[in-house]
C-alpha atoms as a PDB file:
ATOM      1  CA  GLN A   1     -12.399  -7.604   3.035  1.00  0.00           C
ATOM      2  CA  VAL A   2      -8.741  -7.805   2.069  1.00  0.00           C
ATOM      3  CA  GLN A   3      -7.479  -4.937  -0.062  1.00  0.00           C
ATOM      4  CA  LEU A   4      -4.085  -3.948  -1.411  1.00  0.00           C
ATOM      5  CA  VAL A   5      -4.176  -0.645  -3.259  1.00  0.00           C
ATOM      6  CA  GLU A   6      -1.111   0.501  -5.181  1.00  0.00           C
ATOM      7  CA  SER A   7      -0.495   4.082  -6.221  1.00  0.00           C
ATOM      8  CA  GLY A   8       2.314   6.310  -7.437  1.00  0.00           C
ATOM      9  CA  GLY A   9       2.824   4.964 -10.935  1.00  0.00           C
ATOM     10  CA  GLY A  10       3.009   7.155 -14.005  1.00  0.00           C
ATOM     11  CA  LEU A  11       5.172   8.359 -16.860  1.00  0.00           C
ATOM     12  CA  VAL A  12       8.761   9.308 -16.060  1.00  0.00           C
ATOM     13  CA  GLN A  13      11.836  10.068 -18.147  1.00  0.00           C
ATOM     14  CA  PRO A  14      14.866   7.768 -18.105  1.00  0.00           C
ATOM     15  CA  GLY A  15      17.010   8.554 -15.078  1.00  0.00           C
ATOM     16  CA  GLY A  16      14.029   9.784 -13.116  1.00  0.00           C
ATOM     17  CA  SER A  17      12.454   8.538  -9.902  1.00  0.00           C
ATOM     18  CA  LEU A  18       9.091   7.341  -8.662  1.00  0.00           C
ATOM     19  CA  ARG A  19       7.812   6.162  -5.312  1.00  0.00           C
ATOM     20  CA  LEU A  20       5.132   3.507  -5.281  1.00  0.00           C
ATOM     21  CA  SER A  21       2.877   2.929  -2.281  1.00  0.00           C
ATOM     22  CA  CYS A  22       0.680  -0.027  -1.405  1.00  0.00           C
ATOM     23  CA  VAL A  23      -1.875   0.430   1.345  1.00  0.00           C
ATOM     24  CA  ALA A  24      -3.225  -2.739   2.939  1.00  0.00           C
ATOM     25  CA  SER A  25      -6.446  -3.417   4.814  1.00  0.00           C
ATOM     26  CA  GLY A  26      -8.483  -6.401   5.957  1.00  0.00           C
ATOM     27  CA  PHE A  27      -5.627  -8.435   7.437  1.00  0.00           C
ATOM     28  CA  THR A  28      -2.885  -8.081  10.045  1.00  0.00           C
ATOM     29  CA  PHE A  29      -0.332  -6.285   7.905  1.00  0.00           C
ATOM     30  CA  SER A  30       2.514  -6.486  10.405  1.00  0.00           C
ATOM     31  CA  THR A  31       2.529 -10.294  10.289  1.00  0.00           C
ATOM     32  CA  TYR A  32       2.888 -10.535   6.513  1.00  0.00           C
ATOM     33  CA  HIS A  33       6.005 -10.407   4.397  1.00  0.00           C
ATOM     34  CA  MET A  34       5.474  -7.965   1.552  1.00  0.00           C
ATOM     35  CA  SER A  35       6.876  -7.918  -1.944  1.00  0.00           C
ATOM     36  CA  TRP A  36       6.788  -5.972  -5.180  1.00  0.00           C
ATOM     37  CA  HIS A  37       6.487  -7.699  -8.528  1.00  0.00           C
ATOM     38  CA  ARG A  38       6.265  -6.388 -12.051  1.00  0.00           C
ATOM     39  CA  GLN A  39       5.004  -7.600 -15.386  1.00  0.00           C
ATOM     40  CA  ALA A  40       6.063  -6.121 -18.688  1.00  0.00           C
ATOM     41  CA  PRO A  41       4.043  -6.700 -21.883  1.00  0.00           C
ATOM     42  CA  GLY A  42       4.623 -10.198 -23.217  1.00  0.00           C
ATOM     43  CA  LYS A  43       6.693 -11.229 -20.196  1.00  0.00           C
ATOM     44  CA  GLU A  44       6.070 -13.211 -17.052  1.00  0.00           C
ATOM     45  CA  ARG A  45       5.506 -11.498 -13.730  1.00  0.00           C
ATOM     46  CA  GLU A  46       8.762 -11.235 -11.807  1.00  0.00           C
ATOM     47  CA  LEU A  47       9.639 -10.673  -8.168  1.00  0.00           C
ATOM     48  CA  ILE A  48      11.775  -7.577  -7.754  1.00  0.00           C
ATOM     49  CA  ALA A  49      11.857  -6.835  -4.026  1.00  0.00           C
ATOM     50  CA  ARG A  50      10.750  -8.418  -0.755  1.00  0.00           C
ATOM     51  CA  ILE A  51      10.687  -7.216   2.832  1.00  0.00           C
ATOM     52  CA  SER A  52      10.136  -9.232   5.970  1.00  0.00           C
ATOM     53  CA  SER A  53       7.194  -8.633   8.275  1.00  0.00           C
ATOM     54  CA  ALA A  54       9.226  -6.525  10.706  1.00  0.00           C
ATOM     55  CA  GLY A  55      11.145  -4.794   7.936  1.00  0.00           C
ATOM     56  CA  SER A  56      14.489  -6.128   9.062  1.00  0.00           C
ATOM     57  CA  VAL A  57      15.303  -8.186   5.957  1.00  0.00           C
ATOM     58  CA  THR A  58      15.112  -7.074   2.344  1.00  0.00           C
ATOM     59  CA  ASN A  59      15.955  -8.846  -0.886  1.00  0.00           C
ATOM     60  CA  TYR A  60      16.184  -7.560  -4.457  1.00  0.00           C
ATOM     61  CA  ALA A  61      16.361  -8.921  -7.957  1.00  0.00           C
ATOM     62  CA  ASP A  62      19.680  -8.246  -9.652  1.00  0.00           C
ATOM     63  CA  SER A  63      17.895  -6.101 -12.235  1.00  0.00           C
ATOM     64  CA  VAL A  64      16.924  -3.480  -9.613  1.00  0.00           C
ATOM     65  CA  LYS A  65      19.577  -3.879  -6.927  1.00  0.00           C
ATOM     66  CA  GLY A  66      21.179  -0.549  -6.058  1.00  0.00           C
ATOM     67  CA  ARG A  67      18.400   1.436  -7.759  1.00  0.00           C
ATOM     68  CA  PHE A  68      15.200   0.378  -5.948  1.00  0.00           C
ATOM     69  CA  THR A  69      14.496   0.367  -2.208  1.00  0.00           C
ATOM     70  CA  ILE A  70      11.625  -1.427  -0.501  1.00  0.00           C
ATOM     71  CA  SER A  71      10.422  -0.234   2.890  1.00  0.00           C
ATOM     72  CA  ARG A  72       7.344  -0.491   5.069  1.00  0.00           C
ATOM     73  CA  ASP A  73       5.488   1.375   7.782  1.00  0.00           C
ATOM     74  CA  ASN A  74       3.525  -1.106   9.868  1.00  0.00           C
ATOM     75  CA  GLY A  75       1.803   1.742  11.673  1.00  0.00           C
ATOM     76  CA  LYS A  76       0.341   2.888   8.362  1.00  0.00           C
ATOM     77  CA  ASN A  77      -0.189  -0.583   6.845  1.00  0.00           C
ATOM     78  CA  THR A  78       1.858   0.560   3.866  1.00  0.00           C
ATOM     79  CA  VAL A  79       4.747  -0.798   1.844  1.00  0.00           C
ATOM     80  CA  TYR A  80       6.781   1.443  -0.444  1.00  0.00           C
ATOM     81  CA  LEU A  81       9.035   1.019  -3.440  1.00  0.00           C
ATOM     82  CA  GLN A  82      11.423   3.877  -4.109  1.00  0.00           C
ATOM     83  CA  MET A  83      12.635   3.627  -7.691  1.00  0.00           C
ATOM     84  CA  ASN A  84      15.627   5.684  -8.796  1.00  0.00           C
ATOM     85  CA  SER A  85      17.662   5.821 -11.991  1.00  0.00           C
ATOM     86  CA  LEU A  86      14.748   4.413 -13.933  1.00  0.00           C
ATOM     87  CA  LYS A  87      15.363   2.783 -17.297  1.00  0.00           C
ATOM     88  CA  PRO A  88      13.009   2.090 -20.207  1.00  0.00           C
ATOM     89  CA  GLU A  89      13.227  -1.614 -19.359  1.00  0.00           C
ATOM     90  CA  ASP A  90      11.611  -0.854 -15.994  1.00  0.00           C
ATOM     91  CA  THR A  91       8.362  -0.155 -17.844  1.00  0.00           C
ATOM     92  CA  ALA A  92       5.760  -2.560 -16.480  1.00  0.00           C
ATOM     93  CA  VAL A  93       2.707  -2.932 -14.295  1.00  0.00           C
ATOM     94  CA  TYR A  94       3.885  -3.071 -10.688  1.00  0.00           C
ATOM     95  CA  TYR A  95       2.048  -5.187  -8.129  1.00  0.00           C
ATOM     96  CA  CYS A  96       2.374  -5.542  -4.388  1.00  0.00           C
ATOM     97  CA  LYS A  97       1.824  -8.884  -2.700  1.00  0.00           C
ATOM     98  CA  ALA A  98       1.223  -9.900   0.893  1.00  0.00           C
ATOM     99  CA  GLU A  99       2.591 -13.301   1.859  1.00  0.00           C
ATOM    100  CA  SER A 100       1.936 -15.521   4.844  1.00  0.00           C
ATOM    101  CA  TYR A 101      -0.075 -18.742   5.026  1.00  0.00           C
ATOM    102  CA  GLN A 102      -2.280 -16.887   2.513  1.00  0.00           C
ATOM    103  CA  SER A 103      -1.274 -14.527  -0.252  1.00  0.00           C
ATOM    104  CA  TYR A 104      -2.974 -11.426  -1.566  1.00  0.00           C
ATOM    105  CA  TRP A 105      -2.297  -9.277  -4.627  1.00  0.00           C
ATOM    106  CA  GLY A 106      -3.009  -5.678  -5.442  1.00  0.00           C
ATOM    107  CA  GLN A 107      -4.517  -4.554  -8.733  1.00  0.00           C
ATOM    108  CA  GLY A 108      -1.290  -3.041 -10.056  1.00  0.00           C
ATOM    109  CA  THR A 109      -0.062   0.382 -11.092  1.00  0.00           C
ATOM    110  CA  GLN A 110       1.475   1.243 -14.452  1.00  0.00           C
ATOM    111  CA  VAL A 111       5.011   2.597 -14.628  1.00  0.00           C
ATOM    112  CA  THR A 112       6.221   3.874 -17.983  1.00  0.00           C
ATOM    113  CA  VAL A 113       9.791   5.042 -18.476  1.00  0.00           C
ATOM    114  CA  SER A 114      10.156   6.935 -21.730  1.00  0.00           C
ATOM    115  CA  SER A 115      11.518  10.150 -23.144  1.00  0.00           C
END
């Protein structure tokens, strides 16, 4: 069956870095655009980064541009989110999403930025 499993979240101090991973199975990963979303307590889920199926096109929300980098390895069925210069307002549950004619979500991983 389709699975998207995120990992790499945790507690980090402001200014620190984390790398999230999302491993996909059960569908043809290389044909799907992939994205990262996040949802903070009391807020709506927001799109923060997207990468095309071949990895040639990336897009970012203004709130993370210049600090976060999305990448993918189609040989490993994995999409990554490198997060640098983290701020307390980056605290949220982070989700990966696979998008094509169908969409799939992962279960999320918690990122907490606090001193």
